[in-house]
Every structure is written in structure tokens, then in C-alpha cells.
PDB file of N, CA and C in Angstrom:
ATOM      1  N   MET A   1     -20.642  -3.621  14.581  1.00  0.00           N
ATOM      2  CA  MET A   1     -21.699  -2.928  13.812  1.00  0.00           C
ATOM      3  C   MET A   1     -21.701  -1.379  13.849  1.00  0.00           C
ATOM      4  N   ARG A   2     -21.538  -0.561  12.656  1.00  0.00           N
ATOM      5  CA  ARG A   2     -21.819   0.897  13.313  1.00  0.00           C
ATOM      6  C   ARG A   2     -23.057   1.411  12.938  1.00  0.00           C
ATOM      7  N   THR A   3     -23.266   2.397  13.424  1.00  0.00           N
ATOM      8  CA  THR A   3     -24.344   2.886  13.638  1.00  0.00           C
ATOM      9  C   THR A   3     -24.546   4.413  14.384  1.00  0.00           C
ATOM     10  N   ASN A   4     -25.274   5.095  13.856  1.00  0.00           N
ATOM     11  CA  ASN A   4     -25.511   6.221  14.451  1.00  0.00           C
ATOM     12  C   ASN A   4     -26.942   6.756  15.039  1.00  0.00           C
ATOM     13  N   ILE A   5     -26.726   7.273  16.372  1.00  0.00           N
ATOM     14  CA  ILE A   5     -27.882   7.335  17.474  1.00  0.00           C
ATOM     15  C   ILE A   5     -27.991   8.415  18.119  1.00  0.00           C
ATOM     16  N   VAL A   6     -29.136   8.913  18.122  1.00  0.00           N
ATOM     17  CA  VAL A   6     -29.135  10.397  19.256  1.00  0.00           C
ATOM     18  C   VAL A   6     -29.600  10.048  20.331  1.00  0.00           C
ATOM     19  N   LEU A   7     -28.559  10.374  21.227  1.00  0.00           N
ATOM     20  CA  LEU A   7     -28.944  10.228  22.652  1.00  0.00           C
ATOM     21  C   LEU A   7     -28.945  11.395  23.516  1.00  0.00           C
ATOM     22  N   ASP A   8     -29.763  11.048  24.613  1.00  0.00           N
ATOM     23  CA  ASP A   8     -30.187  12.309  25.461  1.00  0.00           C
ATOM     24  C   ASP A   8     -29.065  12.848  26.465  1.00  0.00           C
ATOM     25  N   ASP A   9     -28.679  13.758  25.855  1.00  0.00           N
ATOM     26  CA  ASP A   9     -27.264  14.403  26.636  1.00  0.00           C
ATOM     27  C   ASP A   9     -27.381  14.180  28.188  1.00  0.00           C
ATOM     28  N   VAL A  10     -28.509  14.439  28.711  1.00  0.00           N
ATOM     29  CA  VAL A  10     -28.714  14.614  30.114  1.00  0.00           C
ATOM     30  C   VAL A  10     -28.796  13.136  30.743  1.00  0.00           C
ATOM     31  N   LEU A  11     -29.196  12.285  30.102  1.00  0.00           N
ATOM     32  CA  LEU A  11     -29.026  10.903  30.512  1.00  0.00           C
ATOM     33  C   LEU A  11     -27.617  10.472  30.567  1.00  0.00           C
ATOM     34  N   VAL A  12     -27.069  10.827  29.219  1.00  0.00           N
ATOM     35  CA  VAL A  12     -25.588  10.346  29.088  1.00  0.00           C
ATOM     36  C   VAL A  12     -24.573  10.752  30.202  1.00  0.00           C
ATOM     37  N   LYS A  13     -24.916  11.872  30.508  1.00  0.00           N
ATOM     38  CA  LYS A  13     -23.891  12.610  31.737  1.00  0.00           C
ATOM     39  C   LYS A  13     -24.329  11.871  33.123  1.00  0.00           C
ATOM     40  N   GLU A  14     -25.530  11.364  33.179  1.00  0.00           N
ATOM     41  CA  GLU A  14     -26.252  10.752  34.398  1.00  0.00           C
ATOM     42  C   GLU A  14     -25.396   9.201  34.421  1.00  0.00           C
ATOM     43  N   ALA A  15     -25.256   8.741  33.216  1.00  0.00           N
ATOM     44  CA  ALA A  15     -24.974   7.219  33.347  1.00  0.00           C
ATOM     45  C   ALA A  15     -23.456   7.202  33.541  1.00  0.00           C
ATOM     46  N   PHE A  16     -23.152   8.601  33.143  1.00  0.00           N
ATOM     47  CA  PHE A  16     -21.257   8.012  33.126  1.00  0.00           C
ATOM     48  C   PHE A  16     -20.917   8.383  34.867  1.00  0.00           C
ATOM     49  N   LYS A  17     -22.094   9.206  35.636  1.00  0.00           N
ATOM     50  CA  LYS A  17     -21.977   9.406  36.670  1.00  0.00           C
ATOM     51  C   LYS A  17     -21.762   7.671  37.476  1.00  0.00           C
ATOM     52  N   TYR A  18     -22.184   6.776  37.073  1.00  0.00           N
ATOM     53  CA  TYR A  18     -22.336   5.488  37.637  1.00  0.00           C
ATOM     54  C   TYR A  18     -21.531   4.440  37.143  1.00  0.00           C
ATOM     55  N   ALA A  19     -21.142   4.824  35.697  1.00  0.00           N
ATOM     56  CA  ALA A  19     -20.183   3.856  35.241  1.00  0.00           C
ATOM     57  C   ALA A  19     -18.672   4.089  35.026  1.00  0.00           C
ATOM     58  N   SER A  20     -17.884   3.112  35.309  1.00  0.00           N
ATOM     59  CA  SER A  20     -16.275   3.546  35.443  1.00  0.00           C
ATOM     60  C   SER A  20     -15.629   3.340  33.965  1.00  0.00           C
ATOM     61  N   VAL A  21     -16.629   4.045  32.919  1.00  0.00           N
ATOM     62  CA  VAL A  21     -15.984   4.037  31.483  1.00  0.00           C
ATOM     63  C   VAL A  21     -15.816   5.552  31.159  1.00  0.00           C
ATOM     64  N   THR A  22     -15.125   5.810  30.043  1.00  0.00           N
ATOM     65  CA  THR A  22     -14.520   6.934  29.612  1.00  0.00           C
ATOM     66  C   THR A  22     -15.328   7.469  28.186  1.00  0.00           C
ATOM     67  N   THR A  23     -15.867   6.465  27.522  1.00  0.00           N
ATOM     68  CA  THR A  23     -16.109   6.664  26.277  1.00  0.00           C
ATOM     69  C   THR A  23     -17.526   6.573  26.100  1.00  0.00           C
ATOM     70  N   LYS A  24     -18.617   7.216  25.232  1.00  0.00           N
ATOM     71  CA  LYS A  24     -19.963   6.902  25.064  1.00  0.00           C
ATOM     72  C   LYS A  24     -19.979   5.491  24.571  1.00  0.00           C
ATOM     73  N   ARG A  25     -19.039   4.824  23.709  1.00  0.00           N
ATOM     74  CA  ARG A  25     -19.100   3.615  23.139  1.00  0.00           C
ATOM     75  C   ARG A  25     -19.070   2.682  24.192  1.00  0.00           C
ATOM     76  N   GLU A  26     -18.074   2.921  25.231  1.00  0.00           N
ATOM     77  CA  GLU A  26     -18.118   1.771  26.329  1.00  0.00           C
ATOM     78  C   GLU A  26     -19.007   2.007  27.447  1.00  0.00           C
ATOM     79  N   LEU A  27     -19.755   3.205  27.222  1.00  0.00           N
ATOM     80  CA  LEU A  27     -21.227   3.365  28.021  1.00  0.00           C
ATOM     81  C   LEU A  27     -22.261   2.746  27.427  1.00  0.00           C
ATOM     82  N   ILE A  28     -22.479   2.724  26.122  1.00  0.00           N
ATOM     83  CA  ILE A  28     -23.520   1.925  25.305  1.00  0.00           C
ATOM     84  C   ILE A  28     -23.159   0.264  25.529  1.00  0.00           C
ATOM     85  N   ASN A  29     -22.074  -0.043  25.452  1.00  0.00           N
ATOM     86  CA  ASN A  29     -21.742  -1.661  25.011  1.00  0.00           C
ATOM     87  C   ASN A  29     -22.100  -1.965  26.822  1.00  0.00           C
ATOM     88  N   LEU A  30     -21.754  -1.170  27.603  1.00  0.00           N
ATOM     89  CA  LEU A  30     -22.156  -1.662  29.115  1.00  0.00           C
ATOM     90  C   LEU A  30     -23.323  -1.826  29.563  1.00  0.00           C
ATOM     91  N   ALA A  31     -24.112  -0.982  28.621  1.00  0.00           N
ATOM     92  CA  ALA A  31     -25.345  -0.789  28.943  1.00  0.00           C
ATOM     93  C   ALA A  31     -26.419  -1.695  28.321  1.00  0.00           C
ATOM     94  N   LEU A  32     -26.153  -2.372  27.233  1.00  0.00           N
ATOM     95  CA  LEU A  32     -26.727  -3.261  26.456  1.00  0.00           C
ATOM     96  C   LEU A  32     -26.222  -4.508  27.169  1.00  0.00           C
ATOM     97  N   LYS A  33     -24.857  -4.650  27.938  1.00  0.00           N
ATOM     98  CA  LYS A  33     -24.382  -5.879  28.140  1.00  0.00           C
ATOM     99  C   LYS A  33     -25.357  -6.308  29.689  1.00  0.00           C
ATOM    100  N   GLU A  34     -25.988  -5.104  30.201  1.00  0.00           N
ATOM    101  CA  GLU A  34     -26.698  -5.073  31.607  1.00  0.00           C
ATOM    102  C   GLU A  34     -27.944  -5.417  30.938  1.00  0.00           C
ATOM    103  N   PHE A  35     -28.501  -4.795  29.857  1.00  0.00           N
ATOM    104  CA  PHE A  35     -29.880  -4.935  29.546  1.00  0.00           C
ATOM    105  C   PHE A  35     -29.954  -6.551  29.366  1.00  0.00           C
ATOM    106  N   VAL A  36     -28.852  -7.015  28.584  1.00  0.00           N
ATOM    107  CA  VAL A  36     -29.222  -8.538  28.052  1.00  0.00           C
ATOM    108  C   VAL A  36     -28.895  -9.494  29.451  1.00  0.00           C
ATOM    109  N   ALA A  37     -28.392  -8.993  30.344  1.00  0.00           N
ATOM    110  CA  ALA A  37     -27.937 -10.023  31.580  1.00  0.00           C
ATOM    111  C   ALA A  37     -29.476 -10.032  32.508  1.00  0.00           C
ATOM    112  N   ASN A  38     -29.981  -8.771  32.087  1.00  0.00           N
ATOM    113  CA  ASN A  38     -31.366  -8.494  33.160  1.00  0.00           C
ATOM    114  C   ASN A  38     -32.328  -9.226  32.780  1.00  0.00           C
ATOM    115  N   HIS A  39     -32.599  -9.198  31.645  1.00  0.00           N
ATOM    116  CA  HIS A  39     -33.462  -9.963  30.688  1.00  0.00           C
ATOM    117  C   HIS A  39     -33.147 -11.497  30.486  1.00  0.00           C
ATOM    118  N   ALA A  40     -32.233 -11.939  30.667  1.00  0.00           N
ATOM    119  CA  ALA A  40     -31.879 -13.175  30.622  1.00  0.00           C
ATOM    120  C   ALA A  40     -31.970 -14.014  31.984  1.00  0.00           C
ATOM    121  N   ARG A  41     -31.957 -13.257  33.128  1.00  0.00           N
ATOM    122  CA  ARG A  41     -31.978 -13.767  34.481  1.00  0.00           C
ATOM    123  C   ARG A  41     -33.693 -14.351  34.472  1.00  0.00           C
ATOM    124  N   LYS A  42     -33.859 -15.668  34.986  1.00  0.00           N
ATOM    125  CA  LYS A  42     -34.972 -16.366  35.129  1.00  0.00           C
ATOM    126  C   LYS A  42     -35.681 -15.346  36.130  1.00  0.00           C
ATOM    127  N   ASP A  43     -37.010 -15.374  35.992  1.00  0.00           N
ATOM    128  CA  ASP A  43     -37.850 -14.787  36.491  1.00  0.00           C
ATOM    129  C   ASP A  43     -38.413 -15.814  37.878  1.00  0.00           C
ATOM    130  N   LEU A  44     -37.489 -15.397  38.981  1.00  0.00           N
ATOM    131  CA  LEU A  44     -38.021 -16.593  40.171  1.00  0.00           C
ATOM    132  C   LEU A  44     -39.535 -16.929  40.537  1.00  0.00           C
ATOM    133  N   ARG A  45     -40.275 -15.813  40.230  1.00  0.00           N
ATOM    134  CA  ARG A  45     -41.493 -16.582  40.539  1.00  0.00           C
ATOM    135  C   ARG A  45     -42.091 -17.607  39.478  1.00  0.00           C
ATOM    136  N   LEU A  46     -41.216 -17.679  38.432  1.00  0.00           N
ATOM    137  CA  LEU A  46     -41.806 -18.980  37.701  1.00  0.00           C
ATOM    138  C   LEU A  46     -41.317 -20.445  38.325  1.00  0.00           C
ATOM    139  N   LEU A  47     -40.255 -20.099  39.049  1.00  0.00           N
ATOM    140  CA  LEU A  47     -39.965 -21.389  39.707  1.00  0.00           C
ATOM    141  C   LEU A  47     -41.076 -21.655  40.895  1.00  0.00           C
ATOM    142  N   ARG A  48     -42.027 -21.068  41.392  1.00  0.00           N
ATOM    143  CA  ARG A  48     -42.933 -21.398  42.436  1.00  0.00           C
ATOM    144  C   ARG A  48     -43.469 -22.696  42.357  1.00  0.00           C
ATOM    145  N   GLY A  49     -43.324 -23.551  43.313  1.00  0.00           N
ATOM    146  CA  GLY A  49     -44.012 -24.812  43.349  1.00  0.00           C
ATOM    147  C   GLY A  49     -43.065 -25.754  42.405  1.00  0.00           C
ATOM    148  N   LYS A  50     -42.128 -25.339  42.014  1.00  0.00           N
ATOM    149  CA  LYS A  50     -41.040 -26.411  41.298  1.00  0.00           C
ATOM    150  C   LYS A  50     -39.846 -27.110  42.191  1.00  0.00           C
ATOM    151  N   VAL A  51     -39.592 -26.207  43.090  1.00  0.00           N
ATOM    152  CA  VAL A  51     -38.634 -26.250  43.909  1.00  0.00           C
ATOM    153  C   VAL A  51     -39.160 -27.535  45.650  1.00  0.00           C
ATOM    154  N   LYS A  52     -38.356 -28.484  45.638  1.00  0.00           N
ATOM    155  CA  LYS A  52     -38.818 -29.275  46.370  1.00  0.00           C
ATOM    156  C   LYS A  52     -37.459 -29.618  47.375  1.00  0.00           C
ATOM    157  N   LEU A  53     -37.786 -29.122  48.702  1.00  0.00           N
ATOM    158  CA  LEU A  53     -36.673 -28.903  49.799  1.00  0.00           C
ATOM    159  C   LEU A  53     -36.867 -30.546  50.369  1.00  0.00           C
ATOM    160  N   ASP A  54     -35.571 -31.181  50.872  1.00  0.00           N
ATOM    161  CA  ASP A  54     -35.565 -32.320  51.559  1.00  0.00           C
ATOM    162  C   ASP A  54     -36.452 -32.119  52.960  1.00  0.00           C
ATOM    163  N   LYS A  55     -36.705 -33.027  53.707  1.00  0.00           N
ATOM    164  CA  LYS A  55     -37.822 -33.143  54.581  1.00  0.00           C
ATOM    165  C   LYS A  55     -36.762 -32.571  55.787  1.00  0.00           C
ATOM    166  N   ASP A  56     -35.626 -32.940  55.865  1.00  0.00           N
ATOM    167  CA  ASP A  56     -34.514 -33.206  57.028  1.00  0.00           C
ATOM    168  C   ASP A  56     -33.825 -31.569  56.738  1.00  0.00           C
ATOM    169  N   TYR A  57     -33.972 -30.669  55.728  1.00  0.00           N
ATOM    170  CA  TYR A  57     -33.361 -29.868  55.741  1.00  0.00           C
ATOM    171  C   TYR A  57     -33.805 -28.586  56.461  1.00  0.00           C
ATOM    172  N   ASP A  58     -32.668 -28.230  57.176  1.00  0.00           N
ATOM    173  CA  ASP A  58     -32.840 -26.882  58.429  1.00  0.00           C
ATOM    174  C   ASP A  58     -31.877 -26.157  58.238  1.00  0.00           C
ATOM    175  N   TYR A  59     -32.449 -25.045  57.977  1.00  0.00           N
ATOM    176  CA  TYR A  59     -31.793 -23.924  57.344  1.00  0.00           C
ATOM    177  C   TYR A  59     -31.324 -23.430  58.852  1.00  0.00           C
ATOM    178  N   LYS A  60     -32.035 -23.160  59.847  1.00  0.00           N
ATOM    179  CA  LYS A  60     -31.572 -22.676  60.877  1.00  0.00           C
ATOM    180  C   LYS A  60     -30.149 -23.066  61.275  1.00  0.00           C
ATOM    181  N   ALA A  61     -30.107 -24.324  61.099  1.00  0.00           N
ATOM    182  CA  ALA A  61     -28.756 -24.767  61.831  1.00  0.00           C
ATOM    183  C   ALA A  61     -27.791 -24.820  60.964  1.00  0.00           C
ATOM    184  N   LEU A  62     -27.935 -24.734  59.415  1.00  0.00           N
ATOM    185  CA  LEU A  62     -27.002 -24.099  58.443  1.00  0.00           C
ATOM    186  C   LEU A  62     -26.538 -22.562  58.836  1.00  0.00           C
ATOM    187  N   ARG A  63     -27.318 -21.734  59.189  1.00  0.00           N
ATOM    188  CA  ARG A  63     -26.749 -20.519  59.472  1.00  0.00           C
ATOM    189  C   ARG A  63     -25.969 -20.580  60.592  1.00  0.00           C
ATOM    190  N   GLU A  64     -26.234 -21.584  62.055  1.00  0.00           N
ATOM    191  CA  GLU A  64     -25.572 -21.480  62.956  1.00  0.00           C
ATOM    192  C   GLU A  64     -24.229 -21.917  62.582  1.00  0.00           C
ATOM    193  N   LYS A  65     -23.984 -22.966  61.467  1.00  0.00           N
ATOM    194  CA  LYS A  65     -22.722 -23.751  61.412  1.00  0.00           C
ATOM    195  C   LYS A  65     -21.721 -22.467  60.679  1.00  0.00           C
ATOM    196  N   ASN A  66     -22.527 -21.590  59.998  1.00  0.00           N
ATOM    197  CA  ASN A  66     -21.619 -20.650  58.997  1.00  0.00           C
ATOM    198  C   ASN A  66     -21.416 -19.274  59.900  1.00  0.00           C
ATOM    199  N   ASN A  67     -21.925 -18.948  60.856  1.00  0.00           N
ATOM    200  CA  ASN A  67     -21.482 -18.168  61.943  1.00  0.00           C
ATOM    201  C   ASN A  67     -20.278 -18.247  62.891  1.00  0.00           C
TER     202      ASN A  67
END
């Protein structure tokens, strides 16, 4: 989709410092992808009280096994 937008030049320059892209088009696409991914993540607070752990679950033993 083609569109014309006015971008904040200072913000665009700052964004280019953090992104490994070379064009404004790539920068905007990257920003949109990150925006959507960020909002698509489930808020972990919504899971409070819904996750049941097994009584025999021993996270300390699992840590020792992985080290």
C-alpha cells in the first residue's frame, strides 16, 4: 500500500542508529512488525492463577541438572 507520511527527522535518524536497515521503507516496515509483535504478546499478568505446577516440580533440581 502506498502512502505519504511526514516523519520526525530526528526520530528517524535515531531509529537508523538501532536498526540494521538502509532505507526509510525498511525502517517503517521493521517498526510496524515490532509494534504488532509487541502488542500480540500475551500479557503475563493475565495468566496469574491459571498455571498449575505439578506438586513434585523441583526447579532447583532442574537448575543443577542444566549446569
